[in-house]
Amino acid sequence: MPQYLLSTQSLVDIALRDGSAPERWLANTDARDPAIYDTDIFISAVSHALIVQLLDRMPRDADREALRLATEALIERFVGRGQVVDVTKAIADTWGALVGMTLTYTKDDNTQGQYPSGERLVMATAIKGTDGRPYILVARREPAYTALEPLGLALEDPHEMYP
């Protein structure tokens, strides 16, 4: 049975509960054939810290506080179920290789940005996996992910499934 790793952005989108493609992906996993069970979906140990960095850059207002509470509650569900993937030496070694690569994504204003180091660690987690089993990364398809396919990255884009 495949295992899935939520990108940090997918985790945030699910926490917002605004009908986003990642939220609809998660809501429909059990209806798929074969079904994806809650026990098959994981988050990276670094995603919480990445979300804290995001929140620190936001204005301190009701929207920020709502996002903080929603992401913390969602992350606690994964923690409580033991579905947080720790960084292993193999993951760290892969991350070291990814740090030197040009890995771009498209920003909201259609300009290109470079993935930050922390999100590269999430990518490395998906590539290496645990116990010899890589994860399928749940994220919006970006040029960077195509470049990582030769390293073993598998991707499932909720935005392609639920446009």
Protein backbone atom coordinates (compact mmCIF):
# COMPACT_ATOMS: atom_id res chain seq x y z
CA MET A 1 0.00 0.00 0.00
CA PRO A 2 1.48 3.39 -0.92
CA GLN A 3 2.08 6.02 1.72
CA TYR A 4 1.55 9.75 1.20
CA LEU A 5 3.39 12.78 2.57
CA LEU A 6 1.65 16.15 2.63
CA SER A 7 3.71 19.09 1.43
CA THR A 8 3.71 21.96 3.89
CA GLN A 9 1.47 24.00 1.58
CA SER A 10 -1.00 21.11 1.28
CA LEU A 11 -1.04 20.84 5.07
CA VAL A 12 -1.84 24.57 5.36
CA ASP A 13 -4.51 24.33 2.65
CA ILE A 14 -6.20 21.42 4.45
CA ALA A 15 -6.11 23.29 7.78
CA LEU A 16 -7.81 26.33 6.24
CA ARG A 17 -10.91 24.22 5.48
CA ASP A 18 -11.89 26.47 2.58
CA GLY A 19 -12.70 23.83 -0.03
CA SER A 20 -9.19 23.80 -1.52
CA ALA A 21 -8.04 20.97 -3.76
CA PRO A 22 -5.87 19.43 -1.00
CA GLU A 23 -8.81 19.51 1.42
CA ARG A 24 -11.05 17.79 -1.15
CA TRP A 25 -8.25 15.27 -1.85
CA LEU A 26 -8.12 14.36 1.83
CA ALA A 27 -11.91 14.20 2.16
CA ASN A 28 -12.16 11.74 -0.74
CA THR A 29 -9.26 9.39 -0.06
CA ASP A 30 -11.45 6.63 1.35
CA ALA A 31 -13.69 6.69 -1.75
CA ARG A 32 -10.81 5.86 -4.09
CA ASP A 33 -10.10 2.45 -5.50
CA PRO A 34 -7.95 1.35 -3.83
CA ALA A 35 -8.82 3.48 -0.83
CA ILE A 36 -6.23 5.60 0.92
CA TYR A 37 -6.65 5.23 4.67
CA ASP A 38 -5.85 7.89 7.27
CA THR A 39 -3.01 5.65 8.44
CA ASP A 40 -1.36 6.02 4.99
CA ILE A 41 -1.02 9.83 5.20
CA PHE A 42 1.94 11.49 6.93
CA ILE A 43 3.54 14.88 7.51
CA SER A 44 7.20 15.83 7.83
CA ALA A 45 8.64 16.66 11.22
CA VAL A 46 9.82 20.01 9.80
CA SER A 47 6.42 21.16 8.52
CA HIS A 48 5.42 22.67 11.87
CA ALA A 49 8.55 24.82 11.98
CA LEU A 50 7.96 25.92 8.38
CA ILE A 51 4.41 26.95 9.24
CA VAL A 52 5.66 28.89 12.29
CA GLN A 53 8.03 30.78 9.96
CA LEU A 54 5.10 31.55 7.65
CA LEU A 55 3.00 32.80 10.55
CA ASP A 56 5.87 34.99 11.80
CA ARG A 57 5.83 36.83 8.44
CA MET A 58 2.07 37.49 8.58
CA PRO A 59 0.41 40.50 10.20
CA ARG A 60 -0.78 39.75 13.71
CA ASP A 61 -4.52 39.67 13.15
CA ALA A 62 -7.54 37.38 13.43
CA ASP A 63 -6.71 35.56 10.15
CA ARG A 64 -3.22 34.73 11.37
CA GLU A 65 -4.53 33.47 14.70
CA ALA A 66 -7.19 31.34 12.97
CA LEU A 67 -4.52 29.81 10.71
CA ARG A 68 -2.26 29.15 13.70
CA LEU A 69 -5.02 27.38 15.62
CA ALA A 70 -6.16 25.37 12.59
CA THR A 71 -2.67 24.19 11.63
CA GLU A 72 -1.77 23.33 15.22
CA ALA A 73 -4.94 21.26 15.61
CA LEU A 74 -4.30 19.40 12.35
CA ILE A 75 -0.65 18.77 13.20
CA GLU A 76 -1.64 17.45 16.64
CA ARG A 77 -3.88 14.89 14.93
CA PHE A 78 -0.87 13.57 13.01
CA VAL A 79 1.32 13.65 16.12
CA GLY A 80 -1.29 11.77 18.13
CA ARG A 81 -1.50 9.04 15.49
CA GLY A 82 2.28 8.73 15.19
CA GLN A 83 2.24 9.92 11.58
CA VAL A 84 5.04 12.47 11.69
CA VAL A 85 8.13 11.42 9.76
CA ASP A 86 11.41 12.14 11.52
CA VAL A 87 14.51 13.20 9.63
CA THR A 88 16.88 10.26 9.21
CA LYS A 89 20.48 10.30 8.02
CA ALA A 90 19.36 9.09 4.56
CA ILE A 91 16.81 11.91 4.37
CA ALA A 92 19.41 14.45 5.54
CA ASP A 93 21.90 13.19 2.93
CA THR A 94 19.29 13.56 0.18
CA TRP A 95 18.39 17.02 1.48
CA GLY A 96 22.08 17.95 1.22
CA ALA A 97 21.98 17.11 -2.49
CA LEU A 98 18.74 19.05 -3.01
CA VAL A 99 20.13 22.20 -1.37
CA GLY A 100 22.53 22.67 -4.28
CA MET A 101 19.86 22.23 -6.96
CA THR A 102 17.78 24.88 -8.69
CA LEU A 103 14.25 23.99 -7.60
CA THR A 104 11.64 26.52 -8.67
CA TYR A 105 7.95 27.05 -8.10
CA THR A 106 5.46 29.55 -9.47
CA LYS A 107 4.41 32.27 -7.03
CA ASP A 108 0.91 33.75 -6.87
CA ASP A 109 2.06 36.65 -9.07
CA ASN A 110 3.33 34.13 -11.71
CA THR A 111 6.99 34.87 -11.03
CA GLN A 112 9.40 32.06 -10.20
CA GLY A 113 10.75 31.47 -6.71
CA GLN A 114 13.25 29.03 -5.25
CA TYR A 115 12.03 26.47 -2.75
CA PRO A 116 13.45 27.24 0.69
CA SER A 117 15.75 24.81 2.43
CA GLY A 118 13.07 23.54 4.79
CA GLU A 119 10.66 22.55 2.04
CA ARG A 120 13.54 20.77 0.30
CA LEU A 121 13.78 18.65 3.45
CA VAL A 122 10.12 17.70 2.99
CA MET A 123 10.93 16.71 -0.62
CA ALA A 124 13.89 14.63 0.59
CA THR A 125 11.60 12.92 3.08
CA ALA A 126 9.24 11.90 0.27
CA ILE A 127 12.11 10.64 -1.88
CA LYS A 128 13.83 8.54 0.80
CA GLY A 129 10.81 7.58 2.86
CA THR A 130 11.16 5.28 5.83
CA ASP A 131 12.10 1.63 6.04
CA GLY A 132 12.90 1.61 2.32
CA ARG A 133 9.43 2.86 1.38
CA PRO A 134 9.30 6.29 -0.27
CA TYR A 135 6.25 8.50 0.08
CA ILE A 136 4.09 9.96 -2.65
CA LEU A 137 4.28 13.72 -2.15
CA VAL A 138 0.88 15.44 -2.13
CA ALA A 139 1.57 18.86 -3.65
CA ARG A 140 0.78 21.16 -6.54
CA ARG A 141 2.82 20.13 -9.59
CA GLU A 142 5.79 22.47 -10.08
CA PRO A 143 8.87 22.37 -12.33
CA ALA A 144 11.02 21.39 -9.35
CA TYR A 145 9.16 18.13 -8.89
CA THR A 146 9.74 17.07 -12.49
CA ALA A 147 13.46 17.61 -11.93
CA LEU A 148 13.31 15.33 -8.87
CA GLU A 149 11.55 12.40 -10.56
CA PRO A 150 14.91 10.81 -11.57
CA LEU A 151 15.79 10.78 -7.84
CA GLY A 152 12.62 8.82 -7.12
CA LEU A 153 10.10 11.53 -6.27
CA ALA A 154 6.50 10.49 -6.91
CA LEU A 155 3.85 13.20 -6.87
CA GLU A 156 0.09 13.36 -6.58
CA ASP A 157 -1.36 16.78 -7.36
CA PRO A 158 -4.76 17.42 -5.76
CA HIS A 159 -5.21 20.43 -8.06
CA GLU A 160 -5.21 18.10 -11.09
CA MET A 161 -7.78 15.84 -9.44
CA TYR A 162 -10.00 18.62 -8.09
CA PRO A 163 -9.53 21.69 -10.34
